[in-house]
C-alpha atoms as a PDB file:
ATOM      1  CA  MET A   1      30.712 -91.641  21.022  1.00  0.00           C
ATOM      2  CA  SER A   2      33.259 -91.303  18.227  1.00  0.00           C
ATOM      3  CA  TYR A   3      32.466 -89.764  14.831  1.00  0.00           C
ATOM      4  CA  THR A   4      34.081 -90.129  11.471  1.00  0.00           C
ATOM      5  CA  THR A   5      35.004 -86.833   9.723  1.00  0.00           C
ATOM      6  CA  TYR A   6      32.080 -87.363   7.377  1.00  0.00           C
ATOM      7  CA  GLU A   7      29.620 -87.845  10.260  1.00  0.00           C
ATOM      8  CA  LEU A   8      30.905 -84.732  12.021  1.00  0.00           C
ATOM      9  CA  ALA A   9      30.475 -82.679   8.863  1.00  0.00           C
ATOM     10  CA  THR A  10      26.753 -83.622   8.772  1.00  0.00           C
ATOM     11  CA  LEU A  11      25.875 -82.612  12.350  1.00  0.00           C
ATOM     12  CA  ASN A  12      23.438 -79.764  12.679  1.00  0.00           C
ATOM     13  CA  THR A  13      23.696 -76.925  15.249  1.00  0.00           C
ATOM     14  CA  GLN A  14      21.801 -78.792  18.024  1.00  0.00           C
ATOM     15  CA  GLU A  15      23.860 -81.921  17.507  1.00  0.00           C
ATOM     16  CA  ILE A  16      27.135 -79.883  17.534  1.00  0.00           C
ATOM     17  CA  GLN A  17      26.157 -78.148  20.794  1.00  0.00           C
ATOM     18  CA  SER A  18      25.056 -81.534  22.258  1.00  0.00           C
ATOM     19  CA  LEU A  19      28.618 -82.892  21.998  1.00  0.00           C
ATOM     20  CA  THR A  20      30.072 -83.327  25.473  1.00  0.00           C
ATOM     21  CA  THR A  21      33.312 -81.476  26.423  1.00  0.00           C
ATOM     22  CA  ALA A  22      34.941 -84.898  26.548  1.00  0.00           C
ATOM     23  CA  GLU A  23      33.899 -85.634  22.998  1.00  0.00           C
ATOM     24  CA  VAL A  24      35.170 -82.260  21.777  1.00  0.00           C
ATOM     25  CA  TYR A  25      38.413 -82.847  23.622  1.00  0.00           C
ATOM     26  CA  GLU A  26      38.948 -86.110  21.789  1.00  0.00           C
ATOM     27  CA  LEU A  27      38.540 -84.578  18.346  1.00  0.00           C
ATOM     28  CA  THR A  28      41.591 -84.954  16.144  1.00  0.00           C
ATOM     29  CA  ASN A  29      43.097 -82.263  13.927  1.00  0.00           C
ATOM     30  CA  ALA A  30      41.592 -83.924  10.905  1.00  0.00           C
ATOM     31  CA  GLN A  31      38.165 -83.932  12.515  1.00  0.00           C
ATOM     32  CA  ILE A  32      38.509 -80.242  13.481  1.00  0.00           C
ATOM     33  CA  ARG A  33      39.290 -79.306   9.881  1.00  0.00           C
ATOM     34  CA  ALA A  34      36.279 -81.313   8.746  1.00  0.00           C
ATOM     35  CA  LEU A  35      33.885 -78.933  10.582  1.00  0.00           C
ATOM     36  CA  GLY A  36      32.168 -76.368   8.520  1.00  0.00           C
ATOM     37  CA  THR A  37      32.313 -72.697   9.407  1.00  0.00           C
ATOM     38  CA  GLY A  38      28.678 -72.771  10.492  1.00  0.00           C
ATOM     39  CA  GLN A  39      29.417 -75.632  12.903  1.00  0.00           C
ATOM     40  CA  VAL A  40      32.535 -73.923  14.343  1.00  0.00           C
ATOM     41  CA  SER A  41      30.598 -70.704  14.898  1.00  0.00           C
ATOM     42  CA  VAL A  42      27.980 -72.428  17.084  1.00  0.00           C
ATOM     43  CA  LEU A  43      30.432 -74.275  19.338  1.00  0.00           C
ATOM     44  CA  LEU A  44      29.719 -73.351  22.947  1.00  0.00           C
ATOM     45  CA  THR A  45      32.398 -71.577  24.912  1.00  0.00           C
ATOM     46  CA  GLY A  46      32.728 -74.550  27.228  1.00  0.00           C
ATOM     47  CA  GLN A  47      33.385 -76.778  24.182  1.00  0.00           C
ATOM     48  CA  ILE A  48      35.959 -74.267  22.783  1.00  0.00           C
ATOM     49  CA  ASN A  49      37.760 -74.171  26.052  1.00  0.00           C
ATOM     50  CA  THR A  50      38.501 -77.885  25.832  1.00  0.00           C
ATOM     51  CA  LEU A  51      40.459 -77.609  22.590  1.00  0.00           C
ATOM     52  CA  LEU A  52      44.118 -78.132  23.080  1.00  0.00           C
ATOM     53  CA  ALA A  53      46.734 -75.989  21.354  1.00  0.00           C
ATOM     54  CA  PRO A  54      47.226 -78.301  18.363  1.00  0.00           C
ATOM     55  CA  ARG A  55      43.519 -78.411  17.664  1.00  0.00           C
ATOM     56  CA  VAL A  56      43.354 -74.596  17.593  1.00  0.00           C
ATOM     57  CA  GLY A  57      46.449 -74.541  15.414  1.00  0.00           C
ATOM     58  CA  SER A  58      44.691 -76.874  12.887  1.00  0.00           C
ATOM     59  CA  PHE A  59      41.802 -74.419  12.308  1.00  0.00           C
ATOM     60  CA  THR A  60      41.612 -73.176   8.745  1.00  0.00           C
ATOM     61  CA  SER A  61      41.467 -69.427   8.047  1.00  0.00           C
ATOM     62  CA  ASP A  62      37.762 -69.664   7.173  1.00  0.00           C
ATOM     63  CA  GLN A  63      37.001 -71.481  10.353  1.00  0.00           C
ATOM     64  CA  LEU A  64      38.802 -68.859  12.471  1.00  0.00           C
ATOM     65  CA  ILE A  65      37.016 -66.105  10.713  1.00  0.00           C
ATOM     66  CA  SER A  66      33.716 -67.654  11.837  1.00  0.00           C
ATOM     67  CA  VAL A  67      34.710 -67.787  15.475  1.00  0.00           C
ATOM     68  CA  GLY A  68      32.830 -65.311  17.724  1.00  0.00           C
ATOM     69  CA  THR A  69      34.377 -62.971  20.226  1.00  0.00           C
ATOM     70  CA  ALA A  70      33.126 -64.927  23.209  1.00  0.00           C
ATOM     71  CA  GLN A  71      34.744 -68.032  21.694  1.00  0.00           C
ATOM     72  CA  VAL A  72      38.063 -66.256  21.268  1.00  0.00           C
ATOM     73  CA  ALA A  73      38.037 -65.266  24.919  1.00  0.00           C
ATOM     74  CA  ALA A  74      37.289 -68.862  25.850  1.00  0.00           C
ATOM     75  CA  LEU A  75      40.310 -70.359  24.112  1.00  0.00           C
ATOM     76  CA  GLN A  76      42.830 -72.094  26.376  1.00  0.00           C
ATOM     77  CA  GLN A  77      45.900 -70.047  27.162  1.00  0.00           C
ATOM     78  CA  SER A  78      48.056 -72.821  25.697  1.00  0.00           C
ATOM     79  CA  ALA A  79      46.583 -71.934  22.294  1.00  0.00           C
ATOM     80  CA  PHE A  80      48.457 -68.605  22.602  1.00  0.00           C
ATOM     81  CA  SER A  81      51.638 -69.792  24.247  1.00  0.00           C
ATOM     82  CA  SER A  82      52.341 -73.086  22.527  1.00  0.00           C
ATOM     83  CA  PRO A  83      54.267 -73.417  19.247  1.00  0.00           C
ATOM     84  CA  SER A  84      51.513 -75.800  18.208  1.00  0.00           C
ATOM     85  CA  GLY A  85      48.780 -73.220  18.824  1.00  0.00           C
ATOM     86  CA  LEU A  86      47.833 -70.100  16.937  1.00  0.00           C
ATOM     87  CA  THR A  87      50.097 -69.383  13.969  1.00  0.00           C
ATOM     88  CA  THR A  88      51.170 -66.110  12.405  1.00  0.00           C
ATOM     89  CA  ALA A  89      48.960 -66.843   9.362  1.00  0.00           C
ATOM     90  CA  GLN A  90      46.013 -67.516  11.625  1.00  0.00           C
ATOM     91  CA  ILE A  91      46.411 -64.380  13.706  1.00  0.00           C
ATOM     92  CA  ARG A  92      46.439 -62.153  10.643  1.00  0.00           C
ATOM     93  CA  VAL A  93      42.982 -63.280   9.557  1.00  0.00           C
ATOM     94  CA  LEU A  94      41.276 -62.298  12.821  1.00  0.00           C
ATOM     95  CA  SER A  95      39.056 -59.266  12.677  1.00  0.00           C
ATOM     96  CA  SER A  96      39.628 -56.200  14.922  1.00  0.00           C
ATOM     97  CA  ASP A  97      36.691 -57.351  17.078  1.00  0.00           C
ATOM     98  CA  GLN A  98      38.172 -60.824  17.512  1.00  0.00           C
ATOM     99  CA  VAL A  99      41.620 -59.375  18.370  1.00  0.00           C
ATOM    100  CA  GLY A 100      39.854 -57.022  20.838  1.00  0.00           C
ATOM    101  CA  ALA A 101      38.327 -60.009  22.508  1.00  0.00           C
ATOM    102  CA  ILE A 102      41.689 -61.530  23.347  1.00  0.00           C
ATOM    103  CA  THR A 103      41.999 -61.402  27.098  1.00  0.00           C
ATOM    104  CA  ALA A 104      44.991 -59.842  28.937  1.00  0.00           C
ATOM    105  CA  SER A 105      46.056 -63.276  30.233  1.00  0.00           C
ATOM    106  CA  GLN A 106      46.008 -64.711  26.771  1.00  0.00           C
ATOM    107  CA  LEU A 107      47.856 -61.829  25.200  1.00  0.00           C
ATOM    108  CA  SER A 108      50.530 -61.781  27.897  1.00  0.00           C
ATOM    109  CA  ILE A 109      51.714 -65.208  26.839  1.00  0.00           C
ATOM    110  CA  LEU A 110      51.215 -64.882  23.098  1.00  0.00           C
ATOM    111  CA  GLN A 111      54.261 -66.097  21.254  1.00  0.00           C
ATOM    112  CA  THR A 112      56.469 -63.221  20.125  1.00  0.00           C
ATOM    113  CA  LYS A 113      56.565 -64.382  16.532  1.00  0.00           C
ATOM    114  CA  VAL A 114      52.752 -64.385  16.460  1.00  0.00           C
ATOM    115  CA  LEU A 115      52.556 -61.029  18.169  1.00  0.00           C
ATOM    116  CA  VAL A 116      54.677 -59.295  15.605  1.00  0.00           C
ATOM    117  CA  ALA A 117      52.487 -60.603  12.847  1.00  0.00           C
ATOM    118  CA  LEU A 118      49.576 -58.446  14.009  1.00  0.00           C
ATOM    119  CA  THR A 119      48.601 -55.757  11.497  1.00  0.00           C
ATOM    120  CA  SER A 120      48.381 -52.132  12.423  1.00  0.00           C
ATOM    121  CA  ALA A 121      44.582 -52.297  12.636  1.00  0.00           C
ATOM    122  CA  GLN A 122      44.740 -55.289  14.900  1.00  0.00           C
ATOM    123  CA  VAL A 123      47.213 -53.609  17.146  1.00  0.00           C
ATOM    124  CA  GLN A 124      44.888 -50.627  17.485  1.00  0.00           C
ATOM    125  CA  ALA A 125      42.124 -53.067  18.495  1.00  0.00           C
ATOM    126  CA  LEU A 126      43.979 -54.020  21.676  1.00  0.00           C
ATOM    127  CA  SER A 127      42.548 -52.519  24.810  1.00  0.00           C
ATOM    128  CA  SER A 128      44.621 -50.449  27.188  1.00  0.00           C
ATOM    129  CA  GLY A 129      44.382 -53.331  29.663  1.00  0.00           C
ATOM    130  CA  ASN A 130      45.956 -55.601  27.068  1.00  0.00           C
ATOM    131  CA  ILE A 131      48.752 -53.086  26.428  1.00  0.00           C
ATOM    132  CA  VAL A 132      49.494 -53.153  30.161  1.00  0.00           C
ATOM    133  CA  ALA A 133      49.566 -56.979  30.035  1.00  0.00           C
ATOM    134  CA  LEU A 134      52.292 -57.033  27.411  1.00  0.00           C
ATOM    135  CA  SER A 135      55.623 -58.236  28.815  1.00  0.00           C
ATOM    136  CA  THR A 136      58.821 -56.281  28.269  1.00  0.00           C
ATOM    137  CA  SER A 137      60.074 -58.898  25.797  1.00  0.00           C
ATOM    138  CA  GLN A 138      56.875 -58.515  23.815  1.00  0.00           C
ATOM    139  CA  VAL A 139      57.099 -54.756  23.734  1.00  0.00           C
ATOM    140  CA  LYS A 140      60.719 -54.920  22.763  1.00  0.00           C
ATOM    141  CA  ALA A 141      59.751 -57.172  19.795  1.00  0.00           C
ATOM    142  CA  LEU A 142      57.138 -54.865  18.346  1.00  0.00           C
ATOM    143  CA  THR A 143      57.977 -53.737  14.824  1.00  0.00           C
ATOM    144  CA  SER A 144      58.459 -50.146  13.894  1.00  0.00           C
ATOM    145  CA  GLU A 145      55.174 -50.343  11.887  1.00  0.00           C
ATOM    146  CA  GLN A 146      53.314 -51.653  14.959  1.00  0.00           C
ATOM    147  CA  ALA A 147      54.830 -48.964  17.210  1.00  0.00           C
ATOM    148  CA  SER A 148      53.746 -46.253  14.774  1.00  0.00           C
ATOM    149  CA  SER A 149      50.153 -47.577  14.777  1.00  0.00           C
ATOM    150  CA  ILE A 150      49.463 -47.629  18.536  1.00  0.00           C
ATOM    151  CA  THR A 151      46.873 -45.096  19.663  1.00  0.00           C
ATOM    152  CA  THR A 152      47.557 -42.258  22.020  1.00  0.00           C
ATOM    153  CA  ASP A 153      45.489 -44.068  24.679  1.00  0.00           C
ATOM    154  CA  GLN A 154      47.681 -47.154  24.204  1.00  0.00           C
ATOM    155  CA  VAL A 155      50.817 -44.964  24.523  1.00  0.00           C
ATOM    156  CA  ARG A 156      49.567 -43.684  27.874  1.00  0.00           C
ATOM    157  CA  ALA A 157      48.924 -47.266  28.993  1.00  0.00           C
ATOM    158  CA  LEU A 158      52.574 -48.381  28.508  1.00  0.00           C
ATOM    159  CA  GLU A 159      54.175 -49.209  31.737  1.00  0.00           C
ATOM    160  CA  THR A 160      57.494 -47.488  32.493  1.00  0.00           C
ATOM    161  CA  ARG A 161      59.299 -50.884  32.451  1.00  0.00           C
ATOM    162  CA  ASP A 162      57.977 -51.324  28.880  1.00  0.00           C
ATOM    163  CA  VAL A 163      58.950 -47.809  27.827  1.00  0.00           C
ATOM    164  CA  ALA A 164      62.436 -48.541  29.134  1.00  0.00           C
ATOM    165  CA  VAL A 165      62.994 -51.288  26.489  1.00  0.00           C
ATOM    166  CA  LEU A 166      61.744 -49.270  23.488  1.00  0.00           C
ATOM    167  CA  SER A 167      64.551 -49.055  20.899  1.00  0.00           C
ATOM    168  CA  SER A 168      65.641 -46.017  18.959  1.00  0.00           C
ATOM    169  CA  TYR A 169      63.980 -47.534  15.858  1.00  0.00           C
ATOM    170  CA  GLN A 170      60.626 -47.834  17.698  1.00  0.00           C
ATOM    171  CA  LEU A 171      60.905 -44.270  19.054  1.00  0.00           C
ATOM    172  CA  ASN A 172      61.767 -43.039  15.636  1.00  0.00           C
ATOM    173  CA  ALA A 173      58.514 -44.549  14.280  1.00  0.00           C
ATOM    174  CA  LEU A 174      56.335 -42.575  16.761  1.00  0.00           C
ATOM    175  CA  SER A 175      54.387 -39.603  15.531  1.00  0.00           C
ATOM    176  CA  THR A 176      54.444 -36.261  17.249  1.00  0.00           C
ATOM    177  CA  ALA A 177      50.890 -36.900  18.472  1.00  0.00           C
ATOM    178  CA  GLN A 178      52.166 -40.105  20.187  1.00  0.00           C
ATOM    179  CA  VAL A 179      55.185 -38.441  21.745  1.00  0.00           C
ATOM    180  CA  ALA A 180      53.114 -35.548  22.982  1.00  0.00           C
ATOM    181  CA  VAL A 181      51.038 -37.847  25.279  1.00  0.00           C
ATOM    182  CA  PHE A 182      54.019 -39.466  27.027  1.00  0.00           C
ATOM    183  CA  GLN A 183      53.656 -38.966  30.732  1.00  0.00           C
ATOM    184  CA  THR A 184      56.655 -37.512  32.590  1.00  0.00           C
ATOM    185  CA  ASN A 185      57.391 -40.864  34.307  1.00  0.00           C
ATOM    186  CA  GLN A 186      57.392 -42.530  30.894  1.00  0.00           C
ATOM    187  CA  VAL A 187      59.763 -39.912  29.459  1.00  0.00           C
ATOM    188  CA  ALA A 188      62.141 -40.392  32.404  1.00  0.00           C
ATOM    189  CA  ALA A 189      62.136 -44.180  31.738  1.00  0.00           C
ATOM    190  CA  ILE A 190      63.302 -43.931  28.148  1.00  0.00           C
ATOM    191  CA  ALA A 191      66.760 -45.465  27.728  1.00  0.00           C
ATOM    192  CA  SER A 192      69.426 -42.798  27.088  1.00  0.00           C
ATOM    193  CA  ASP A 193      70.815 -44.562  24.090  1.00  0.00           C
ATOM    194  CA  ALA A 194      67.374 -44.976  22.557  1.00  0.00           C
ATOM    195  CA  LEU A 195      66.517 -41.250  22.669  1.00  0.00           C
ATOM    196  CA  VAL A 196      68.527 -40.682  19.551  1.00  0.00           C
ATOM    197  CA  GLY A 197      65.552 -42.172  17.746  1.00  0.00           C
ATOM    198  CA  PHE A 198      63.550 -39.024  18.406  1.00  0.00           C
ATOM    199  CA  GLY A 199      63.577 -36.834  15.351  1.00  0.00           C
ATOM    200  CA  SER A 200      63.656 -33.046  15.568  1.00  0.00           C
ATOM    201  CA  GLU A 201      59.874 -32.886  15.139  1.00  0.00           C
ATOM    202  CA  ALA A 202      59.335 -35.357  17.940  1.00  0.00           C
ATOM    203  CA  VAL A 203      61.574 -33.429  20.304  1.00  0.00           C
ATOM    204  CA  ALA A 204      59.780 -30.220  19.434  1.00  0.00           C
ATOM    205  CA  ALA A 205      56.495 -31.945  20.350  1.00  0.00           C
ATOM    206  CA  LEU A 206      57.678 -32.453  23.927  1.00  0.00           C
ATOM    207  CA  GLU A 207      56.024 -30.163  26.466  1.00  0.00           C
ATOM    208  CA  SER A 208      57.958 -28.353  29.190  1.00  0.00           C
ATOM    209  CA  ALA A 209      57.041 -30.870  31.809  1.00  0.00           C
ATOM    210  CA  GLN A 210      58.301 -33.730  29.622  1.00  0.00           C
ATOM    211  CA  VAL A 211      61.575 -31.892  28.854  1.00  0.00           C
ATOM    212  CA  GLY A 212      61.973 -31.234  32.586  1.00  0.00           C
ATOM    213  CA  ALA A 213      61.523 -34.949  33.254  1.00  0.00           C
ATOM    214  CA  LEU A 214      64.679 -35.827  31.258  1.00  0.00           C
ATOM    215  CA  SER A 215      67.724 -36.802  33.320  1.00  0.00           C
ATOM    216  CA  SER A 216      71.222 -35.459  32.782  1.00  0.00           C
ATOM    217  CA  SER A 217      72.233 -38.850  31.304  1.00  0.00           C
ATOM    218  CA  GLN A 218      69.342 -38.730  28.834  1.00  0.00           C
ATOM    219  CA  LEU A 219      70.188 -35.240  27.825  1.00  0.00           C
ATOM    220  CA  ASN A 220      73.852 -36.232  27.481  1.00  0.00           C
ATOM    221  CA  GLY A 221      72.736 -38.595  24.743  1.00  0.00           C
ATOM    222  CA  PHE A 222      70.950 -35.914  22.741  1.00  0.00           C
ATOM    223  CA  GLU A 223      72.304 -35.038  19.309  1.00  0.00           C
ATOM    224  CA  THR A 224      72.831 -31.373  18.440  1.00  0.00           C
ATOM    225  CA  ASN A 225      69.820 -31.207  16.169  1.00  0.00           C
ATOM    226  CA  GLN A 226      67.663 -32.592  18.992  1.00  0.00           C
ATOM    227  CA  VAL A 227      68.908 -29.937  21.486  1.00  0.00           C
ATOM    228  CA  GLN A 228      68.247 -27.206  18.901  1.00  0.00           C
ATOM    229  CA  ALA A 229      64.748 -28.558  18.388  1.00  0.00           C
ATOM    230  CA  ILE A 230      63.688 -28.013  22.017  1.00  0.00           C
ATOM    231  CA  GLU A 231      61.428 -25.000  22.101  1.00  0.00           C
ATOM    232  CA  THR A 232      62.570 -22.177  24.349  1.00  0.00           C
ATOM    233  CA  ALA A 233      59.391 -22.185  26.347  1.00  0.00           C
ATOM    234  CA  ASP A 234      59.893 -25.865  27.118  1.00  0.00           C
ATOM    235  CA  LEU A 235      63.253 -25.166  28.883  1.00  0.00           C
ATOM    236  CA  GLN A 236      61.444 -23.641  31.860  1.00  0.00           C
ATOM    237  CA  GLY A 237      61.282 -26.996  33.670  1.00  0.00           C
ATOM    238  CA  VAL A 238      64.878 -27.912  33.067  1.00  0.00           C
ATOM    239  CA  THR A 239      67.235 -27.724  36.077  1.00  0.00           C
ATOM    240  CA  THR A 240      70.234 -25.459  35.973  1.00  0.00           C
ATOM    241  CA  ALA A 241      72.620 -28.410  35.769  1.00  0.00           C
ATOM    242  CA  ASN A 242      70.720 -29.965  32.876  1.00  0.00           C
ATOM    243  CA  LEU A 243      70.445 -26.655  31.095  1.00  0.00           C
ATOM    244  CA  GLN A 244      74.239 -26.395  31.210  1.00  0.00           C
ATOM    245  CA  GLN A 245      74.385 -29.939  29.796  1.00  0.00           C
ATOM    246  CA  LEU A 246      72.208 -28.907  26.896  1.00  0.00           C
ATOM    247  CA  LYS A 247      74.320 -25.829  26.250  1.00  0.00           C
ATOM    248  CA  ALA A 248      77.527 -27.946  26.348  1.00  0.00           C
ATOM    249  CA  THR A 249      75.982 -30.335  23.763  1.00  0.00           C
ATOM    250  CA  SER A 250      75.030 -27.401  21.497  1.00  0.00           C
ATOM    251  CA  VAL A 251      78.406 -25.696  21.744  1.00  0.00           C
ATOM    252  CA  ALA A 252      80.278 -29.019  21.130  1.00  0.00           C
ATOM    253  CA  ALA A 253      78.744 -29.049  17.682  1.00  0.00           C
END
């Protein structure tokens, strides 16, 4: 059965939930926009799952705000990957709970331009599992503001392949608390030319095990002020060869 936009707008909860998945699938963008927030909020997850990317992209901000967490998780993956799906304006109106409901498979294919539109609070709402699901291209695209907002648990969840693509600008945005929780394999994965992004305070926050995990090529990229910021007690884990490299860098200044 087909409905006019006016008829759709008058349907009650029971009638909305009685729509077949085929009927929901056939809804046009105009019909989607005609739905009230109360109607959108009661759509069953099975109905939500039939919506194609353009239909999701046609939701108004108010409609999206009314969507429940189970409905978010039920959205087709194409809504996240397609240019006609979720927009930057739409993603920014989602609550922390809604963002937290995004599944790993949905997040892993989220368009980069939409990902970088996430606010600091929204980034913090992502689970550790979702952080793991991020592709290297997505991690590389994160803004400095987003990098500075990730929690220590999220830092620990970063895979080494993702740490390897962090830029000096992203590293420079990290707090000492974030730097302090880097695991040794993560430290070893940081690109040598990106380490310059660590400020003196960040370097000083490194523990001896983290300093000991640095390779000679990484240490070779250290600036003099970074070498001088390493605390004496943290040099215990440094190999003789690497210690000589540090001394050479310090003397060269």
